[in-house]
């Protein structure tokens, strides 16, 4: 049980650090109303909209957010199991 907890903690820390980095690398959306209209038209009619850096960063953000959520739930369950005495810690 100690090994599973250690692996989950390491994955949780890595996913949180990568998630922070990926979110900080994304471009801001503070262009106002005119920028959002022009930006929406550009993404709707633009070529290779799935191959841009922002699109890749959005995919990585979703992946690491799901990984972060999964490791959070796994850690919660592991800690609850250890606290209830369901598994030996050594």
PDB file of N, CA and C in Angstrom:
ATOM      1  N   UNK A   1       0.833  -1.193   0.000  1.00  0.00           N
ATOM      2  CA  UNK A   1       0.000   0.000   0.000  1.00  0.00           C
ATOM      3  C   UNK A   1       0.875   1.252   0.000  1.00  0.00           C
ATOM      4  N   UNK A   2       2.020   1.162   0.650  1.00  0.00           N
ATOM      5  CA  UNK A   2       2.940   2.298   0.699  1.00  0.00           C
ATOM      6  C   UNK A   2       3.432   2.653  -0.700  1.00  0.00           C
ATOM      7  N   UNK A   3       3.676   1.654  -1.541  1.00  0.00           N
ATOM      8  CA  UNK A   3       4.152   1.896  -2.902  1.00  0.00           C
ATOM      9  C   UNK A   3       3.091   2.599  -3.737  1.00  0.00           C
ATOM     10  N   UNK A   4       1.859   2.166  -3.627  1.00  0.00           N
ATOM     11  CA  UNK A   4       0.770   2.787  -4.382  1.00  0.00           C
ATOM     12  C   UNK A   4       0.585   4.241  -3.954  1.00  0.00           C
ATOM     13  N   UNK A   5       0.699   4.487  -2.670  1.00  0.00           N
ATOM     14  CA  UNK A   5       0.555   5.865  -2.178  1.00  0.00           C
ATOM     15  C   UNK A   5       1.701   6.738  -2.685  1.00  0.00           C
ATOM     16  N   UNK A   6       2.912   6.214  -2.678  1.00  0.00           N
ATOM     17  CA  UNK A   6       4.067   6.981  -3.150  1.00  0.00           C
ATOM     18  C   UNK A   6       3.959   7.294  -4.631  1.00  0.00           C
ATOM     19  N   UNK A   7       3.580   6.309  -5.428  1.00  0.00           N
ATOM     20  CA  UNK A   7       3.430   6.511  -6.872  1.00  0.00           C
ATOM     21  C   UNK A   7       2.345   7.536  -7.156  1.00  0.00           C
ATOM     22  N   UNK A   8       1.238   7.457  -6.426  1.00  0.00           N
ATOM     23  CA  UNK A   8       0.137   8.394  -6.621  1.00  0.00           C
ATOM     24  C   UNK A   8       0.539   9.811  -6.231  1.00  0.00           C
ATOM     25  N   UNK A   9       1.299   9.948  -5.163  1.00  0.00           N
ATOM     26  CA  UNK A   9       1.757  11.278  -4.742  1.00  0.00           C
ATOM     27  C   UNK A   9       2.698  11.867  -5.779  1.00  0.00           C
ATOM     28  N   UNK A  10       3.615  11.054  -6.309  1.00  0.00           N
ATOM     29  CA  UNK A  10       4.546  11.539  -7.333  1.00  0.00           C
ATOM     30  C   UNK A  10       3.787  11.969  -8.588  1.00  0.00           C
ATOM     31  N   UNK A  11       2.831  11.157  -9.039  1.00  0.00           N
ATOM     32  CA  UNK A  11       2.014  11.524 -10.198  1.00  0.00           C
ATOM     33  C   UNK A  11       1.215  12.800  -9.939  1.00  0.00           C
ATOM     34  N   UNK A  12       0.721  12.947  -8.722  1.00  0.00           N
ATOM     35  CA  UNK A  12      -0.061  14.127  -8.359  1.00  0.00           C
ATOM     36  C   UNK A  12       0.807  15.390  -8.417  1.00  0.00           C
ATOM     37  N   UNK A  13       2.006  15.311  -7.897  1.00  0.00           N
ATOM     38  CA  UNK A  13       2.902  16.474  -7.905  1.00  0.00           C
ATOM     39  C   UNK A  13       3.316  16.819  -9.330  1.00  0.00           C
ATOM     40  N   UNK A  14       3.664  15.808 -10.121  1.00  0.00           N
ATOM     41  CA  UNK A  14       4.061  16.063 -11.514  1.00  0.00           C
ATOM     42  C   UNK A  14       2.909  16.663 -12.306  1.00  0.00           C
ATOM     43  N   UNK A  15       1.712  16.095 -12.149  1.00  0.00           N
ATOM     44  CA  UNK A  15       0.567  16.611 -12.904  1.00  0.00           C
ATOM     45  C   UNK A  15       0.226  18.032 -12.485  1.00  0.00           C
ATOM     46  N   UNK A  16       0.374  18.356 -11.207  1.00  0.00           N
ATOM     47  CA  UNK A  16       0.067  19.719 -10.771  1.00  0.00           C
ATOM     48  C   UNK A  16       1.076  20.717 -11.318  1.00  0.00           C
ATOM     49  N   UNK A  17       2.358  20.362 -11.326  1.00  0.00           N
ATOM     50  CA  UNK A  17       3.373  21.272 -11.853  1.00  0.00           C
ATOM     51  C   UNK A  17       3.220  21.476 -13.361  1.00  0.00           C
ATOM     52  N   UNK A  18       2.957  20.397 -14.084  1.00  0.00           N
ATOM     53  CA  UNK A  18       2.776  20.517 -15.532  1.00  0.00           C
ATOM     54  C   UNK A  18       1.505  21.288 -15.850  1.00  0.00           C
ATOM     55  N   UNK A  19       0.455  21.077 -15.077  1.00  0.00           N
ATOM     56  CA  UNK A  19      -0.791  21.809 -15.283  1.00  0.00           C
ATOM     57  C   UNK A  19      -0.586  23.311 -15.072  1.00  0.00           C
ATOM     58  N   UNK A  20       0.157  23.682 -14.058  1.00  0.00           N
ATOM     59  CA  UNK A  20       0.460  25.098 -13.828  1.00  0.00           C
ATOM     60  C   UNK A  20       1.235  25.674 -15.003  1.00  0.00           C
ATOM     61  N   UNK A  21       2.251  24.938 -15.470  1.00  0.00           N
ATOM     62  CA  UNK A  21       3.079  25.428 -16.582  1.00  0.00           C
ATOM     63  C   UNK A  21       2.275  25.573 -17.863  1.00  0.00           C
ATOM     64  N   UNK A  22       1.413  24.596 -18.159  1.00  0.00           N
ATOM     65  CA  UNK A  22       0.629  24.642 -19.394  1.00  0.00           C
ATOM     66  C   UNK A  22      -0.372  25.788 -19.360  1.00  0.00           C
ATOM     67  N   UNK A  23      -0.980  26.022 -18.223  1.00  0.00           N
ATOM     68  CA  UNK A  23      -1.938  27.133 -18.117  1.00  0.00           C
ATOM     69  C   UNK A  23      -1.218  28.469 -18.266  1.00  0.00           C
ATOM     70  N   UNK A  24      -0.040  28.591 -17.690  1.00  0.00           N
ATOM     71  CA  UNK A  24       0.698  29.845 -17.806  1.00  0.00           C
ATOM     72  C   UNK A  24       1.222  30.087 -19.218  1.00  0.00           C
ATOM     73  N   UNK A  25       1.428  29.041 -19.995  1.00  0.00           N
ATOM     74  CA  UNK A  25       1.903  29.199 -21.366  1.00  0.00           C
ATOM     75  C   UNK A  25       0.811  29.642 -22.331  1.00  0.00           C
ATOM     76  N   UNK A  26      -0.446  29.473 -21.959  1.00  0.00           N
ATOM     77  CA  UNK A  26      -1.533  29.833 -22.856  1.00  0.00           C
ATOM     78  C   UNK A  26      -1.661  31.345 -22.971  1.00  0.00           C
ATOM     79  N   UNK A  27      -2.117  31.780 -24.142  1.00  0.00           N
ATOM     80  CA  UNK A  27      -2.290  33.214 -24.355  1.00  0.00           C
ATOM     81  C   UNK A  27      -3.541  33.698 -23.630  1.00  0.00           C
ATOM     82  N   UNK A  28      -3.504  34.965 -23.221  1.00  0.00           N
ATOM     83  CA  UNK A  28      -4.615  35.538 -22.487  1.00  0.00           C
ATOM     84  C   UNK A  28      -5.791  35.848 -23.384  1.00  0.00           C
ATOM     85  N   UNK A  29      -6.967  35.943 -22.800  1.00  0.00           N
ATOM     86  CA  UNK A  29      -8.183  36.250 -23.550  1.00  0.00           C
ATOM     87  C   UNK A  29      -8.719  37.609 -23.130  1.00  0.00           C
ATOM     88  N   UNK A  30      -7.846  38.593 -22.983  1.00  0.00           N
ATOM     89  CA  UNK A  30      -8.252  39.894 -22.452  1.00  0.00           C
ATOM     90  C   UNK A  30      -8.357  40.951 -23.536  1.00  0.00           C
ATOM     91  N   UNK A  31      -8.714  40.583 -24.738  1.00  0.00           N
ATOM     92  CA  UNK A  31      -8.785  41.539 -25.837  1.00  0.00           C
ATOM     93  C   UNK A  31     -10.095  42.322 -25.836  1.00  0.00           C
ATOM     94  N   UNK A  32     -11.014  42.012 -24.962  1.00  0.00           N
ATOM     95  CA  UNK A  32     -12.290  42.713 -24.927  1.00  0.00           C
ATOM     96  C   UNK A  32     -13.279  42.115 -25.917  1.00  0.00           C
ATOM     97  N   UNK A  33     -14.398  42.800 -26.114  1.00  0.00           N
ATOM     98  CA  UNK A  33     -15.455  42.293 -26.981  1.00  0.00           C
ATOM     99  C   UNK A  33     -15.027  42.247 -28.436  1.00  0.00           C
ATOM    100  N   UNK A  34     -14.333  43.263 -28.901  1.00  0.00           N
ATOM    101  CA  UNK A  34     -13.914  43.269 -30.307  1.00  0.00           C
ATOM    102  C   UNK A  34     -12.907  42.163 -30.569  1.00  0.00           C
ATOM    103  N   UNK A  35     -12.030  41.914 -29.625  1.00  0.00           N
ATOM    104  CA  UNK A  35     -11.061  40.844 -29.798  1.00  0.00           C
ATOM    105  C   UNK A  35     -11.709  39.469 -29.768  1.00  0.00           C
ATOM    106  N   UNK A  36     -12.762  39.323 -28.976  1.00  0.00           N
ATOM    107  CA  UNK A  36     -13.420  38.026 -28.916  1.00  0.00           C
ATOM    108  C   UNK A  36     -14.210  37.745 -30.189  1.00  0.00           C
ATOM    109  N   UNK A  37     -14.797  38.785 -30.782  1.00  0.00           N
ATOM    110  CA  UNK A  37     -15.527  38.589 -32.041  1.00  0.00           C
ATOM    111  C   UNK A  37     -14.558  38.271 -33.165  1.00  0.00           C
ATOM    112  N   UNK A  38     -13.491  39.044 -33.262  1.00  0.00           N
ATOM    113  CA  UNK A  38     -12.496  38.797 -34.307  1.00  0.00           C
ATOM    114  C   UNK A  38     -11.794  37.470 -34.077  1.00  0.00           C
ATOM    115  N   UNK A  39     -11.498  37.157 -32.828  1.00  0.00           N
ATOM    116  CA  UNK A  39     -10.848  35.889 -32.523  1.00  0.00           C
ATOM    117  C   UNK A  39     -11.738  34.701 -32.817  1.00  0.00           C
ATOM    118  N   UNK A  40     -13.031  34.851 -32.560  1.00  0.00           N
ATOM    119  CA  UNK A  40     -13.967  33.773 -32.865  1.00  0.00           C
ATOM    120  C   UNK A  40     -14.075  33.528 -34.349  1.00  0.00           C
ATOM    121  N   UNK A  41     -14.103  34.603 -35.133  1.00  0.00           N
ATOM    122  CA  UNK A  41     -14.158  34.448 -36.582  1.00  0.00           C
ATOM    123  C   UNK A  41     -12.869  33.827 -37.101  1.00  0.00           C
ATOM    124  N   UNK A  42     -11.772  34.208 -36.501  1.00  0.00           N
ATOM    125  CA  UNK A  42     -10.486  33.671 -36.941  1.00  0.00           C
ATOM    126  C   UNK A  42     -10.387  32.181 -36.657  1.00  0.00           C
ATOM    127  N   UNK A  43     -10.850  31.746 -35.505  1.00  0.00           N
ATOM    128  CA  UNK A  43     -10.775  30.325 -35.197  1.00  0.00           C
ATOM    129  C   UNK A  43     -11.816  29.533 -35.979  1.00  0.00           C
ATOM    130  N   UNK A  44     -12.945  30.165 -36.295  1.00  0.00           N
ATOM    131  CA  UNK A  44     -13.978  29.451 -37.040  1.00  0.00           C
ATOM    132  C   UNK A  44     -13.584  29.268 -38.498  1.00  0.00           C
ATOM    133  N   UNK A  45     -13.041  30.313 -39.109  1.00  0.00           N
ATOM    134  CA  UNK A  45     -12.699  30.256 -40.520  1.00  0.00           C
ATOM    135  C   UNK A  45     -11.224  29.976 -40.783  1.00  0.00           C
ATOM    136  N   UNK A  46     -10.413  29.964 -39.737  1.00  0.00           N
ATOM    137  CA  UNK A  46      -8.970  29.799 -39.922  1.00  0.00           C
ATOM    138  C   UNK A  46      -8.584  28.389 -40.335  1.00  0.00           C
ATOM    139  N   UNK A  47      -7.431  28.296 -40.984  1.00  0.00           N
ATOM    140  CA  UNK A  47      -6.906  26.990 -41.379  1.00  0.00           C
ATOM    141  C   UNK A  47      -6.150  26.378 -40.212  1.00  0.00           C
ATOM    142  N   UNK A  48      -6.135  25.069 -40.191  1.00  0.00           N
ATOM    143  CA  UNK A  48      -5.356  24.303 -39.207  1.00  0.00           C
ATOM    144  C   UNK A  48      -5.651  24.729 -37.772  1.00  0.00           C
ATOM    145  N   UNK A  49      -6.919  24.913 -37.466  1.00  0.00           N
ATOM    146  CA  UNK A  49      -7.255  25.387 -36.128  1.00  0.00           C
ATOM    147  C   UNK A  49      -6.947  24.354 -35.049  1.00  0.00           C
ATOM    148  N   UNK A  50      -6.849  23.094 -35.425  1.00  0.00           N
ATOM    149  CA  UNK A  50      -6.507  22.067 -34.449  1.00  0.00           C
ATOM    150  C   UNK A  50      -5.018  21.876 -34.279  1.00  0.00           C
ATOM    151  N   UNK A  51      -4.215  22.529 -35.110  1.00  0.00           N
ATOM    152  CA  UNK A  51      -2.771  22.340 -35.060  1.00  0.00           C
ATOM    153  C   UNK A  51      -2.015  23.518 -34.477  1.00  0.00           C
ATOM    154  N   UNK A  52      -2.719  24.503 -33.986  1.00  0.00           N
ATOM    155  CA  UNK A  52      -2.041  25.666 -33.430  1.00  0.00           C
ATOM    156  C   UNK A  52      -1.500  25.331 -32.048  1.00  0.00           C
ATOM    157  N   UNK A  53      -0.614  26.179 -31.584  1.00  0.00           N
ATOM    158  CA  UNK A  53      -0.027  25.989 -30.256  1.00  0.00           C
ATOM    159  C   UNK A  53      -1.109  26.055 -29.180  1.00  0.00           C
ATOM    160  N   UNK A  54      -2.036  27.015 -29.330  1.00  0.00           N
ATOM    161  CA  UNK A  54      -3.102  27.145 -28.337  1.00  0.00           C
ATOM    162  C   UNK A  54      -3.981  25.906 -28.282  1.00  0.00           C
ATOM    163  N   UNK A  55      -4.249  25.298 -29.433  1.00  0.00           N
ATOM    164  CA  UNK A  55      -5.070  24.085 -29.447  1.00  0.00           C
ATOM    165  C   UNK A  55      -4.351  22.932 -28.756  1.00  0.00           C
ATOM    166  N   UNK A  56      -3.049  22.820 -29.001  1.00  0.00           N
ATOM    167  CA  UNK A  56      -2.281  21.761 -28.335  1.00  0.00           C
ATOM    168  C   UNK A  56      -2.220  22.001 -26.833  1.00  0.00           C
ATOM    169  N   UNK A  57      -2.054  23.262 -26.439  1.00  0.00           N
ATOM    170  CA  UNK A  57      -2.013  23.566 -25.012  1.00  0.00           C
ATOM    171  C   UNK A  57      -3.353  23.283 -24.338  1.00  0.00           C
ATOM    172  N   UNK A  58      -4.449  23.537 -25.047  1.00  0.00           N
ATOM    173  CA  UNK A  58      -5.771  23.215 -24.491  1.00  0.00           C
ATOM    174  C   UNK A  58      -5.933  21.718 -24.291  1.00  0.00           C
ATOM    175  N   UNK A  59      -5.447  20.921 -25.238  1.00  0.00           N
ATOM    176  CA  UNK A  59      -5.527  19.455 -25.100  1.00  0.00           C
ATOM    177  C   UNK A  59      -4.681  18.967 -23.933  1.00  0.00           C
ATOM    178  N   UNK A  60      -3.476  19.524 -23.801  1.00  0.00           N
ATOM    179  CA  UNK A  60      -2.617  19.139 -22.681  1.00  0.00           C
ATOM    180  C   UNK A  60      -3.219  19.594 -21.354  1.00  0.00           C
ATOM    181  N   UNK A  61      -3.861  20.744 -21.345  1.00  0.00           N
ATOM    182  CA  UNK A  61      -4.508  21.220 -20.126  1.00  0.00           C
ATOM    183  C   UNK A  61      -5.616  20.263 -19.698  1.00  0.00           C
ATOM    184  N   UNK A  62      -6.424  19.851 -20.643  1.00  0.00           N
ATOM    185  CA  UNK A  62      -7.510  18.915 -20.322  1.00  0.00           C
ATOM    186  C   UNK A  62      -6.952  17.589 -19.820  1.00  0.00           C
ATOM    187  N   UNK A  63      -5.903  17.086 -20.475  1.00  0.00           N
ATOM    188  CA  UNK A  63      -5.310  15.804 -20.068  1.00  0.00           C
ATOM    189  C   UNK A  63      -4.767  15.876 -18.647  1.00  0.00           C
ATOM    190  N   UNK A  64      -3.983  16.908 -18.352  1.00  0.00           N
ATOM    191  CA  UNK A  64      -3.379  16.993 -17.033  1.00  0.00           C
ATOM    192  C   UNK A  64      -4.391  17.386 -15.964  1.00  0.00           C
ATOM    193  N   UNK A  65      -5.457  18.081 -16.327  1.00  0.00           N
ATOM    194  CA  UNK A  65      -6.516  18.365 -15.358  1.00  0.00           C
ATOM    195  C   UNK A  65      -7.237  17.077 -14.959  1.00  0.00           C
ATOM    196  N   UNK A  66      -7.485  16.213 -15.926  1.00  0.00           N
ATOM    197  CA  UNK A  66      -8.121  14.925 -15.626  1.00  0.00           C
ATOM    198  C   UNK A  66      -7.193  14.055 -14.792  1.00  0.00           C
ATOM    199  N   UNK A  67      -5.904  14.046 -15.137  1.00  0.00           N
ATOM    200  CA  UNK A  67      -4.924  13.280 -14.353  1.00  0.00           C
ATOM    201  C   UNK A  67      -4.840  13.804 -12.927  1.00  0.00           C
ATOM    202  N   UNK A  68      -4.841  15.130 -12.770  1.00  0.00           N
ATOM    203  CA  UNK A  68      -4.804  15.734 -11.440  1.00  0.00           C
ATOM    204  C   UNK A  68      -6.042  15.346 -10.631  1.00  0.00           C
ATOM    205  N   UNK A  69      -7.201  15.379 -11.261  1.00  0.00           N
ATOM    206  CA  UNK A  69      -8.442  15.005 -10.576  1.00  0.00           C
ATOM    207  C   UNK A  69      -8.420  13.530 -10.172  1.00  0.00           C
ATOM    208  N   UNK A  70      -7.948  12.680 -11.071  1.00  0.00           N
ATOM    209  CA  UNK A  70      -7.898  11.243 -10.779  1.00  0.00           C
ATOM    210  C   UNK A  70      -6.934  10.933  -9.641  1.00  0.00           C
ATOM    211  N   UNK A  71      -5.776  11.590  -9.636  1.00  0.00           N
ATOM    212  CA  UNK A  71      -4.833  11.336  -8.547  1.00  0.00           C
ATOM    213  C   UNK A  71      -5.336  11.916  -7.226  1.00  0.00           C
ATOM    214  N   UNK A  72      -6.086  13.010  -7.288  1.00  0.00           N
ATOM    215  CA  UNK A  72      -6.673  13.564  -6.064  1.00  0.00           C
ATOM    216  C   UNK A  72      -7.674  12.587  -5.454  1.00  0.00           C
ATOM    217  N   UNK A  73      -8.513  12.014  -6.298  1.00  0.00           N
ATOM    218  CA  UNK A  73      -9.497  11.039  -5.806  1.00  0.00           C
ATOM    219  C   UNK A  73      -8.805   9.789  -5.295  1.00  0.00           C
ATOM    220  N   UNK A  74      -7.777   9.321  -6.017  1.00  0.00           N
ATOM    221  CA  UNK A  74      -7.046   8.131  -5.583  1.00  0.00           C
ATOM    222  C   UNK A  74      -6.352   8.356  -4.244  1.00  0.00           C
ATOM    223  N   UNK A  75      -5.736   9.522  -4.069  1.00  0.00           N
ATOM    224  CA  UNK A  75      -5.099   9.829  -2.787  1.00  0.00           C
ATOM    225  C   UNK A  75      -6.113   9.895  -1.655  1.00  0.00           C
ATOM    226  N   UNK A  76      -7.258  10.464  -1.935  1.00  0.00           N
ATOM    227  CA  UNK A  76      -8.307  10.543  -0.923  1.00  0.00           C
ATOM    228  C   UNK A  76      -8.751   9.144  -0.489  1.00  0.00           C
ATOM    229  N   UNK A  77      -8.944   8.275  -1.465  1.00  0.00           N
ATOM    230  CA  UNK A  77      -9.356   6.906  -1.143  1.00  0.00           C
ATOM    231  C   UNK A  77      -8.263   6.130  -0.418  1.00  0.00           C
ATOM    232  N   UNK A  78      -7.013   6.304  -0.847  1.00  0.00           N
ATOM    233  CA  UNK A  78      -5.902   5.616  -0.176  1.00  0.00           C
ATOM    234  C   UNK A  78      -5.746   6.072   1.268  1.00  0.00           C
ATOM    235  N   UNK A  79      -5.852   7.364   1.504  1.00  0.00           N
ATOM    236  CA  UNK A  79      -5.712   7.883   2.869  1.00  0.00           C
ATOM    237  C   UNK A  79      -6.862   7.426   3.744  1.00  0.00           C
ATOM    238  N   UNK A  80      -8.063   7.397   3.171  1.00  0.00           N
ATOM    239  CA  UNK A  80      -9.224   6.919   3.936  1.00  0.00           C
ATOM    240  C   UNK A  80      -9.070   5.442   4.284  1.00  0.00           C
ATOM    241  N   UNK A  81      -8.549   4.655   3.336  1.00  0.00           N
ATOM    242  CA  UNK A  81      -8.363   3.225   3.571  1.00  0.00           C
ATOM    243  C   UNK A  81      -7.310   2.987   4.652  1.00  0.00           C
ATOM    244  N   UNK A  82      -6.240   3.759   4.620  1.00  0.00           N
ATOM    245  CA  UNK A  82      -5.186   3.604   5.619  1.00  0.00           C
ATOM    246  C   UNK A  82      -5.678   4.059   6.991  1.00  0.00           C
ATOM    247  N   UNK A  83      -6.432   5.145   7.039  1.00  0.00           N
ATOM    248  CA  UNK A  83      -6.926   5.680   8.302  1.00  0.00           C
ATOM    249  C   UNK A  83      -7.940   4.741   8.956  1.00  0.00           C
ATOM    250  N   UNK A  84      -8.725   4.040   8.133  1.00  0.00           N
ATOM    251  CA  UNK A  84      -9.732   3.142   8.709  1.00  0.00           C
ATOM    252  C   UNK A  84      -9.131   1.812   9.151  1.00  0.00           C
ATOM    253  N   UNK A  85      -7.855   1.595   8.854  1.00  0.00           N
ATOM    254  CA  UNK A  85      -7.209   0.357   9.256  1.00  0.00           C
ATOM    255  C   UNK A  85      -7.452  -0.779   8.283  1.00  0.00           C
ATOM    256  N   UNK A  86      -7.896  -0.461   7.091  1.00  0.00           N
ATOM    257  CA  UNK A  86      -8.181  -1.490   6.104  1.00  0.00           C
ATOM    258  C   UNK A  86      -6.946  -2.125   5.506  1.00  0.00           C
ATOM    259  N   UNK A  87      -5.815  -1.453   5.624  1.00  0.00           N
ATOM    260  CA  UNK A  87      -4.580  -1.990   5.058  1.00  0.00           C
ATOM    261  C   UNK A  87      -3.438  -1.717   6.022  1.00  0.00           C
ATOM    262  N   UNK A  88      -2.529  -2.636   6.056  1.00  0.00           N
ATOM    263  CA  UNK A  88      -1.352  -2.471   6.906  1.00  0.00           C
ATOM    264  C   UNK A  88      -0.417  -1.463   6.252  1.00  0.00           C
ATOM    265  N   UNK A  89       0.165  -0.595   7.049  1.00  0.00           N
ATOM    266  CA  UNK A  89       1.036   0.432   6.497  1.00  0.00           C
ATOM    267  C   UNK A  89       2.459  -0.077   6.302  1.00  0.00           C
ATOM    268  N   UNK A  90       2.806  -1.220   6.865  1.00  0.00           N
ATOM    269  CA  UNK A  90       4.160  -1.754   6.696  1.00  0.00           C
ATOM    270  C   UNK A  90       4.117  -3.187   6.262  1.00  0.00           C
TER     271      UNK A  90
END
